[in-house]
Amino acid sequence: FICLFMAGKMTIGQVIQRSYFDKEKVLIKEIYFVKSKKDKVLHGTYKRFFPQGYLELLGKYNLGKKDSIFTEWWPNGNLMRWVNYKNDHKQGDFMVYDTLG
């Protein structure tokens, strides 16, 4: 019971946001969460896409600060890099790859 209560509480107040490459709002550029409509602080999963629809970047924010592994891909779908962040600071090892992966 406690775990369910806490998990539910963590998402209260988050608002999903989307940005688009086109004015018709078909080609999604970003999907992310903000703490509230009022302050627009990034809080939660962040995804950025290439115009072709493939995932370009994936990470998580906690109250506006990078707070997870941020993974980025090349346009060909191969892994470009991953960097671990804690409280908006790089932590530990990171990996960078060329376009061939």
C-alpha atoms as a PDB file:
ATOM      1  CA  PHE A   1       0.000   0.000   0.000  1.00  0.00           C
ATOM      2  CA  ILE A   2       2.749   2.458   0.892  1.00  0.00           C
ATOM      3  CA  CYS A   3       4.626   1.889  -2.379  1.00  0.00           C
ATOM      4  CA  LEU A   4       1.503   2.544  -4.435  1.00  0.00           C
ATOM      5  CA  PHE A   5       0.794   5.727  -2.535  1.00  0.00           C
ATOM      6  CA  MET A   6       4.350   7.029  -3.002  1.00  0.00           C
ATOM      7  CA  ALA A   7       4.465   6.156  -6.710  1.00  0.00           C
ATOM      8  CA  GLY A   8       1.210   8.005  -7.295  1.00  0.00           C
ATOM      9  CA  LYS A   9       2.373  11.035  -5.378  1.00  0.00           C
ATOM     10  CA  MET A  10       5.518  11.394  -7.489  1.00  0.00           C
ATOM     11  CA  THR A  11       3.495  12.070 -10.646  1.00  0.00           C
ATOM     12  CA  ILE A  12       0.979  14.516  -9.173  1.00  0.00           C
ATOM     13  CA  GLY A  13       1.361  17.921 -10.768  1.00  0.00           C
ATOM     14  CA  GLN A  14       3.487  16.788 -13.683  1.00  0.00           C
ATOM     15  CA  VAL A  15       2.314  18.048 -17.034  1.00  0.00           C
ATOM     16  CA  ILE A  16       3.283  16.412 -20.317  1.00  0.00           C
ATOM     17  CA  GLN A  17       4.605  18.750 -23.010  1.00  0.00           C
ATOM     18  CA  ARG A  18       5.271  18.179 -26.705  1.00  0.00           C
ATOM     19  CA  SER A  19       7.058  20.223 -29.323  1.00  0.00           C
ATOM     20  CA  TYR A  20       6.891  19.626 -33.050  1.00  0.00           C
ATOM     21  CA  PHE A  21       9.009  20.087 -36.165  1.00  0.00           C
ATOM     22  CA  ASP A  22       5.984  21.180 -38.203  1.00  0.00           C
ATOM     23  CA  LYS A  23       3.117  23.648 -37.735  1.00  0.00           C
ATOM     24  CA  GLU A  24       0.568  20.857 -38.312  1.00  0.00           C
ATOM     25  CA  LYS A  25       1.898  19.157 -35.153  1.00  0.00           C
ATOM     26  CA  VAL A  26       2.482  15.798 -36.784  1.00  0.00           C
ATOM     27  CA  LEU A  27       6.263  15.360 -36.499  1.00  0.00           C
ATOM     28  CA  ILE A  28       7.108  15.209 -32.796  1.00  0.00           C
ATOM     29  CA  LYS A  29      10.404  16.855 -31.819  1.00  0.00           C
ATOM     30  CA  GLU A  30      10.262  16.438 -28.024  1.00  0.00           C
ATOM     31  CA  ILE A  31       8.136  14.815 -25.341  1.00  0.00           C
ATOM     32  CA  TYR A  32       8.860  15.841 -21.785  1.00  0.00           C
ATOM     33  CA  PHE A  33       7.296  16.585 -18.433  1.00  0.00           C
ATOM     34  CA  VAL A  34       7.303  19.793 -16.441  1.00  0.00           C
ATOM     35  CA  LYS A  35       6.614  20.198 -12.748  1.00  0.00           C
ATOM     36  CA  SER A  36       3.597  22.400 -13.428  1.00  0.00           C
ATOM     37  CA  LYS A  37       2.100  24.546 -16.183  1.00  0.00           C
ATOM     38  CA  LYS A  38       3.016  27.604 -14.159  1.00  0.00           C
ATOM     39  CA  ASP A  39       6.781  27.220 -13.725  1.00  0.00           C
ATOM     40  CA  LYS A  40       7.713  24.891 -16.642  1.00  0.00           C
ATOM     41  CA  VAL A  41      10.565  23.206 -14.707  1.00  0.00           C
ATOM     42  CA  LEU A  42      11.600  19.963 -16.430  1.00  0.00           C
ATOM     43  CA  HIS A  43      10.705  17.056 -14.172  1.00  0.00           C
ATOM     44  CA  GLY A  44      10.577  13.489 -15.436  1.00  0.00           C
ATOM     45  CA  THR A  45      11.392  11.677 -18.658  1.00  0.00           C
ATOM     46  CA  TYR A  46      12.717  13.707 -21.583  1.00  0.00           C
ATOM     47  CA  LYS A  47      12.728  12.369 -25.159  1.00  0.00           C
ATOM     48  CA  ARG A  48      13.992  14.134 -28.281  1.00  0.00           C
ATOM     49  CA  PHE A  49      13.410  12.762 -31.772  1.00  0.00           C
ATOM     50  CA  PHE A  50      14.909  13.133 -35.233  1.00  0.00           C
ATOM     51  CA  PRO A  51      12.540  14.502 -37.907  1.00  0.00           C
ATOM     52  CA  GLN A  52      12.224  10.928 -39.256  1.00  0.00           C
ATOM     53  CA  GLY A  53      10.700   9.887 -35.905  1.00  0.00           C
ATOM     54  CA  TYR A  54      13.665   7.955 -34.491  1.00  0.00           C
ATOM     55  CA  LEU A  55      14.714   8.568 -30.902  1.00  0.00           C
ATOM     56  CA  GLU A  56      17.656  10.988 -30.655  1.00  0.00           C
ATOM     57  CA  LEU A  57      18.016  11.481 -26.888  1.00  0.00           C
ATOM     58  CA  LEU A  58      16.558   9.939 -23.735  1.00  0.00           C
ATOM     59  CA  GLY A  59      17.076  11.085 -20.157  1.00  0.00           C
ATOM     60  CA  LYS A  60      15.351  12.180 -16.967  1.00  0.00           C
ATOM     61  CA  TYR A  61      15.165  15.475 -15.107  1.00  0.00           C
ATOM     62  CA  ASN A  62      14.538  16.051 -11.430  1.00  0.00           C
ATOM     63  CA  LEU A  63      13.337  19.588 -10.686  1.00  0.00           C
ATOM     64  CA  GLY A  64      15.103  21.009 -13.738  1.00  0.00           C
ATOM     65  CA  LYS A  65      18.383  19.127 -13.295  1.00  0.00           C
ATOM     66  CA  LYS A  66      19.667  16.160 -15.276  1.00  0.00           C
ATOM     67  CA  ASP A  67      19.383  13.160 -13.001  1.00  0.00           C
ATOM     68  CA  SER A  68      19.868   9.867 -14.855  1.00  0.00           C
ATOM     69  CA  ILE A  69      21.781   8.307 -17.701  1.00  0.00           C
ATOM     70  CA  PHE A  70      21.333  10.465 -20.805  1.00  0.00           C
ATOM     71  CA  THR A  71      21.585   8.347 -23.933  1.00  0.00           C
ATOM     72  CA  GLU A  72      21.993   9.830 -27.408  1.00  0.00           C
ATOM     73  CA  TRP A  73      21.842   8.162 -30.837  1.00  0.00           C
ATOM     74  CA  TRP A  74      23.192   8.975 -34.280  1.00  0.00           C
ATOM     75  CA  PRO A  75      20.645   9.520 -37.093  1.00  0.00           C
ATOM     76  CA  ASN A  76      21.471   6.004 -38.360  1.00  0.00           C
ATOM     77  CA  GLY A  77      20.196   4.542 -35.071  1.00  0.00           C
ATOM     78  CA  ASN A  78      23.589   3.627 -33.629  1.00  0.00           C
ATOM     79  CA  LEU A  79      24.478   4.689 -30.105  1.00  0.00           C
ATOM     80  CA  MET A  80      26.372   8.003 -30.005  1.00  0.00           C
ATOM     81  CA  ARG A  81      27.012   8.404 -26.262  1.00  0.00           C
ATOM     82  CA  TRP A  82      25.732   7.880 -22.774  1.00  0.00           C
ATOM     83  CA  VAL A  83      26.543  10.036 -19.797  1.00  0.00           C
ATOM     84  CA  ASN A  84      25.361   9.587 -16.210  1.00  0.00           C
ATOM     85  CA  TYR A  85      24.152  12.722 -14.408  1.00  0.00           C
ATOM     86  CA  LYS A  86      23.327  13.300 -10.775  1.00  0.00           C
ATOM     87  CA  ASN A  87      21.973  16.692  -9.733  1.00  0.00           C
ATOM     88  CA  ASP A  88      23.016  18.158 -13.138  1.00  0.00           C
ATOM     89  CA  HIS A  89      26.654  17.023 -12.813  1.00  0.00           C
ATOM     90  CA  LYS A  90      28.370  14.262 -14.772  1.00  0.00           C
ATOM     91  CA  GLN A  91      29.015  11.231 -12.598  1.00  0.00           C
ATOM     92  CA  GLY A  92      31.482   8.431 -13.223  1.00  0.00           C
ATOM     93  CA  ASP A  93      32.307   6.916 -16.569  1.00  0.00           C
ATOM     94  CA  PHE A  94      30.744   7.844 -19.876  1.00  0.00           C
ATOM     95  CA  MET A  95      30.933   6.318 -23.340  1.00  0.00           C
ATOM     96  CA  VAL A  96      31.210   7.983 -26.757  1.00  0.00           C
ATOM     97  CA  TYR A  97      30.873   6.071 -30.039  1.00  0.00           C
ATOM     98  CA  ASP A  98      31.501   6.917 -33.672  1.00  0.00           C
ATOM     99  CA  THR A  99      28.701   6.651 -36.255  1.00  0.00           C
ATOM    100  CA  LEU A 100      29.365   2.929 -36.642  1.00  0.00           C
ATOM    101  CA  GLY A 101      28.654   2.336 -32.948  1.00  0.00           C
END
